[in-house]
């Protein structure tokens, strides 16, 4: 079982790096991303910063292997909550076909990240790198 834990940690570190990069993009380019938030959702650009900071915090949590269960579940809920009002809305009602396609791709991306985050959170008791043969 040594390989399982090493491969699992590499996958978690890879997700953490992606989350940190996405978080930095949200915080450094909020005006580029705020266009994806429907005008019916109050707060506008504040959500872009909030999501960026959340991505960074979760990424750091996964790398440091602390609060993994909590941050994993928070990330999953955050992404699943955003899928309905933002990605589904944009997929159905965005002005041009390219925006609808991009919204659908983002829907799939966020769904997969949410599900992977749930998997990480559910197995958080295995997050320490075990090199022994037993689980």
C-alpha atoms as a PDB file:
ATOM      1  CA  UNK A   1       0.000   0.000   0.000  1.00  0.00           C
ATOM      2  CA  UNK A   2       3.006   2.344  -0.039  1.00  0.00           C
ATOM      3  CA  UNK A   3       2.360   3.347  -3.646  1.00  0.00           C
ATOM      4  CA  UNK A   4      -1.285   4.188  -2.966  1.00  0.00           C
ATOM      5  CA  UNK A   5      -0.376   6.728  -0.317  1.00  0.00           C
ATOM      6  CA  UNK A   6       2.410   8.301  -2.359  1.00  0.00           C
ATOM      7  CA  UNK A   7       0.233   8.593  -5.464  1.00  0.00           C
ATOM      8  CA  UNK A   8      -2.661   9.888  -3.364  1.00  0.00           C
ATOM      9  CA  UNK A   9      -0.467  12.587  -1.807  1.00  0.00           C
ATOM     10  CA  UNK A  10       0.886  13.619  -5.210  1.00  0.00           C
ATOM     11  CA  UNK A  11      -2.698  13.974  -6.503  1.00  0.00           C
ATOM     12  CA  UNK A  12      -3.667  16.039  -3.454  1.00  0.00           C
ATOM     13  CA  UNK A  13      -0.586  18.256  -3.828  1.00  0.00           C
ATOM     14  CA  UNK A  14      -1.412  18.740  -7.524  1.00  0.00           C
ATOM     15  CA  UNK A  15      -4.964  19.795  -6.658  1.00  0.00           C
ATOM     16  CA  UNK A  16      -3.595  22.115  -3.975  1.00  0.00           C
ATOM     17  CA  UNK A  17      -1.275  23.803  -6.478  1.00  0.00           C
ATOM     18  CA  UNK A  18      -4.156  24.213  -8.960  1.00  0.00           C
ATOM     19  CA  UNK A  19      -6.351  25.691  -6.218  1.00  0.00           C
ATOM     20  CA  UNK A  20      -3.640  28.134  -5.172  1.00  0.00           C
ATOM     21  CA  UNK A  21      -3.115  29.227  -8.792  1.00  0.00           C
ATOM     22  CA  UNK A  22      -6.877  29.644  -9.295  1.00  0.00           C
ATOM     23  CA  UNK A  23      -7.050  31.570  -6.017  1.00  0.00           C
ATOM     24  CA  UNK A  24      -4.259  33.909  -7.068  1.00  0.00           C
ATOM     25  CA  UNK A  25      -6.013  34.501 -10.401  1.00  0.00           C
ATOM     26  CA  UNK A  26      -9.282  35.300  -8.602  1.00  0.00           C
ATOM     27  CA  UNK A  27      -7.571  37.780  -6.281  1.00  0.00           C
ATOM     28  CA  UNK A  28      -5.234  39.359  -8.850  1.00  0.00           C
ATOM     29  CA  UNK A  29      -7.742  39.618 -11.725  1.00  0.00           C
ATOM     30  CA  UNK A  30     -11.159  40.055 -10.116  1.00  0.00           C
ATOM     31  CA  UNK A  31     -12.479  42.342 -12.860  1.00  0.00           C
ATOM     32  CA  UNK A  32     -11.812  39.652 -15.478  1.00  0.00           C
ATOM     33  CA  UNK A  33     -13.799  37.056 -13.511  1.00  0.00           C
ATOM     34  CA  UNK A  34     -16.654  39.134 -12.141  1.00  0.00           C
ATOM     35  CA  UNK A  35     -18.335  39.018 -15.568  1.00  0.00           C
ATOM     36  CA  UNK A  36     -19.214  35.371 -14.868  1.00  0.00           C
ATOM     37  CA  UNK A  37     -21.262  36.267 -11.787  1.00  0.00           C
ATOM     38  CA  UNK A  38     -24.900  36.877 -12.731  1.00  0.00           C
ATOM     39  CA  UNK A  39     -26.103  40.373 -11.894  1.00  0.00           C
ATOM     40  CA  UNK A  40     -28.920  38.817  -9.857  1.00  0.00           C
ATOM     41  CA  UNK A  41     -26.382  37.713  -7.214  1.00  0.00           C
ATOM     42  CA  UNK A  42     -25.633  40.567  -4.795  1.00  0.00           C
ATOM     43  CA  UNK A  43     -22.049  41.308  -3.869  1.00  0.00           C
ATOM     44  CA  UNK A  44     -20.482  41.070  -7.320  1.00  0.00           C
ATOM     45  CA  UNK A  45     -16.722  41.422  -7.107  1.00  0.00           C
ATOM     46  CA  UNK A  46     -16.645  40.547  -3.389  1.00  0.00           C
ATOM     47  CA  UNK A  47     -17.448  36.942  -4.363  1.00  0.00           C
ATOM     48  CA  UNK A  48     -14.454  36.840  -6.677  1.00  0.00           C
ATOM     49  CA  UNK A  49     -12.128  37.801  -3.832  1.00  0.00           C
ATOM     50  CA  UNK A  50     -13.895  35.459  -1.396  1.00  0.00           C
ATOM     51  CA  UNK A  51     -13.556  32.461  -3.718  1.00  0.00           C
ATOM     52  CA  UNK A  52      -9.920  33.305  -4.442  1.00  0.00           C
ATOM     53  CA  UNK A  53      -9.038  33.463  -0.773  1.00  0.00           C
ATOM     54  CA  UNK A  54     -10.981  30.255  -0.097  1.00  0.00           C
ATOM     55  CA  UNK A  55      -9.077  28.442  -2.882  1.00  0.00           C
ATOM     56  CA  UNK A  56      -5.747  29.608  -1.467  1.00  0.00           C
ATOM     57  CA  UNK A  57      -6.659  28.609   2.106  1.00  0.00           C
ATOM     58  CA  UNK A  58      -7.828  25.148   1.012  1.00  0.00           C
ATOM     59  CA  UNK A  59      -4.728  24.643  -1.152  1.00  0.00           C
ATOM     60  CA  UNK A  60      -2.427  25.553   1.731  1.00  0.00           C
ATOM     61  CA  UNK A  61      -4.467  23.324   4.056  1.00  0.00           C
ATOM     62  CA  UNK A  62      -4.054  20.362   1.705  1.00  0.00           C
ATOM     63  CA  UNK A  63      -0.306  20.958   1.342  1.00  0.00           C
ATOM     64  CA  UNK A  64       0.245  21.365   5.090  1.00  0.00           C
ATOM     65  CA  UNK A  65      -2.125  18.457   5.800  1.00  0.00           C
ATOM     66  CA  UNK A  66      -4.004  20.423   8.457  1.00  0.00           C
ATOM     67  CA  UNK A  67      -7.752  20.920   8.740  1.00  0.00           C
ATOM     68  CA  UNK A  68      -8.085  18.775   5.608  1.00  0.00           C
ATOM     69  CA  UNK A  69     -11.485  17.324   6.489  1.00  0.00           C
ATOM     70  CA  UNK A  70     -12.967  20.745   7.283  1.00  0.00           C
ATOM     71  CA  UNK A  71     -11.471  22.621   4.329  1.00  0.00           C
ATOM     72  CA  UNK A  72     -12.274  19.758   1.956  1.00  0.00           C
ATOM     73  CA  UNK A  73     -15.949  19.816   2.885  1.00  0.00           C
ATOM     74  CA  UNK A  74     -16.060  23.633   2.800  1.00  0.00           C
ATOM     75  CA  UNK A  75     -14.552  23.668  -0.688  1.00  0.00           C
ATOM     76  CA  UNK A  76     -17.008  21.050  -1.929  1.00  0.00           C
ATOM     77  CA  UNK A  77     -20.008  22.940  -0.548  1.00  0.00           C
ATOM     78  CA  UNK A  78     -18.714  26.243  -1.918  1.00  0.00           C
ATOM     79  CA  UNK A  79     -18.257  24.814  -5.406  1.00  0.00           C
ATOM     80  CA  UNK A  80     -21.555  22.940  -5.424  1.00  0.00           C
ATOM     81  CA  UNK A  81     -23.398  26.058  -4.268  1.00  0.00           C
ATOM     82  CA  UNK A  82     -21.772  28.094  -7.049  1.00  0.00           C
ATOM     83  CA  UNK A  83     -22.583  25.546  -9.729  1.00  0.00           C
ATOM     84  CA  UNK A  84     -26.327  26.181  -9.511  1.00  0.00           C
ATOM     85  CA  UNK A  85     -26.616  29.986  -9.579  1.00  0.00           C
ATOM     86  CA  UNK A  86     -23.525  30.731 -11.662  1.00  0.00           C
ATOM     87  CA  UNK A  87     -22.535  27.923 -14.007  1.00  0.00           C
ATOM     88  CA  UNK A  88     -25.977  26.501 -14.742  1.00  0.00           C
ATOM     89  CA  UNK A  89     -27.390  29.996 -15.179  1.00  0.00           C
ATOM     90  CA  UNK A  90     -24.556  30.977 -17.538  1.00  0.00           C
ATOM     91  CA  UNK A  91     -24.793  27.669 -19.420  1.00  0.00           C
ATOM     92  CA  UNK A  92     -28.475  28.242 -20.106  1.00  0.00           C
ATOM     93  CA  UNK A  93     -28.703  32.001 -20.499  1.00  0.00           C
ATOM     94  CA  UNK A  94     -25.312  33.457 -21.474  1.00  0.00           C
ATOM     95  CA  UNK A  95     -25.475  35.770 -24.485  1.00  0.00           C
ATOM     96  CA  UNK A  96     -23.367  33.923 -27.022  1.00  0.00           C
ATOM     97  CA  UNK A  97     -22.559  30.296 -27.678  1.00  0.00           C
ATOM     98  CA  UNK A  98     -18.905  30.649 -26.682  1.00  0.00           C
ATOM     99  CA  UNK A  99     -19.838  31.946 -23.216  1.00  0.00           C
ATOM    100  CA  UNK A 100     -22.360  29.113 -22.764  1.00  0.00           C
ATOM    101  CA  UNK A 101     -19.715  26.553 -23.731  1.00  0.00           C
ATOM    102  CA  UNK A 102     -17.178  28.088 -21.355  1.00  0.00           C
ATOM    103  CA  UNK A 103     -19.779  28.097 -18.566  1.00  0.00           C
ATOM    104  CA  UNK A 104     -20.483  24.411 -19.168  1.00  0.00           C
ATOM    105  CA  UNK A 105     -16.757  23.599 -19.061  1.00  0.00           C
ATOM    106  CA  UNK A 106     -16.486  25.538 -15.776  1.00  0.00           C
ATOM    107  CA  UNK A 107     -19.496  23.642 -14.432  1.00  0.00           C
ATOM    108  CA  UNK A 108     -17.769  20.331 -15.157  1.00  0.00           C
ATOM    109  CA  UNK A 109     -14.442  21.568 -13.743  1.00  0.00           C
ATOM    110  CA  UNK A 110     -15.997  22.775 -10.501  1.00  0.00           C
ATOM    111  CA  UNK A 111     -18.065  19.588 -10.152  1.00  0.00           C
ATOM    112  CA  UNK A 112     -14.962  17.417 -10.504  1.00  0.00           C
ATOM    113  CA  UNK A 113     -12.944  19.541  -8.073  1.00  0.00           C
ATOM    114  CA  UNK A 114     -15.862  19.419  -5.591  1.00  0.00           C
ATOM    115  CA  UNK A 115     -16.090  15.633  -5.880  1.00  0.00           C
ATOM    116  CA  UNK A 116     -12.324  15.185  -5.506  1.00  0.00           C
ATOM    117  CA  UNK A 117     -12.452  17.499  -2.502  1.00  0.00           C
ATOM    118  CA  UNK A 118     -15.219  15.356  -0.968  1.00  0.00           C
ATOM    119  CA  UNK A 119     -13.077  12.277  -1.528  1.00  0.00           C
ATOM    120  CA  UNK A 120     -10.110  13.946   0.176  1.00  0.00           C
ATOM    121  CA  UNK A 121     -12.245  15.143   3.101  1.00  0.00           C
ATOM    122  CA  UNK A 122     -13.921  11.769   3.565  1.00  0.00           C
ATOM    123  CA  UNK A 123     -10.556  10.051   3.737  1.00  0.00           C
ATOM    124  CA  UNK A 124      -8.805  12.721   5.782  1.00  0.00           C
ATOM    125  CA  UNK A 125      -7.788  10.182   8.414  1.00  0.00           C
ATOM    126  CA  UNK A 126      -5.507   8.750   5.693  1.00  0.00           C
ATOM    127  CA  UNK A 127      -3.930  12.093   4.822  1.00  0.00           C
ATOM    128  CA  UNK A 128      -0.706  11.443   6.654  1.00  0.00           C
ATOM    129  CA  UNK A 129       1.788   9.609   4.495  1.00  0.00           C
ATOM    130  CA  UNK A 130       1.814   6.035   5.794  1.00  0.00           C
ATOM    131  CA  UNK A 131       4.683   3.855   4.704  1.00  0.00           C
ATOM    132  CA  UNK A 132       3.663   0.771   6.628  1.00  0.00           C
ATOM    133  CA  UNK A 133       1.890  -2.116   4.880  1.00  0.00           C
ATOM    134  CA  UNK A 134      -1.390  -1.865   6.751  1.00  0.00           C
ATOM    135  CA  UNK A 135      -4.262   0.543   6.363  1.00  0.00           C
END
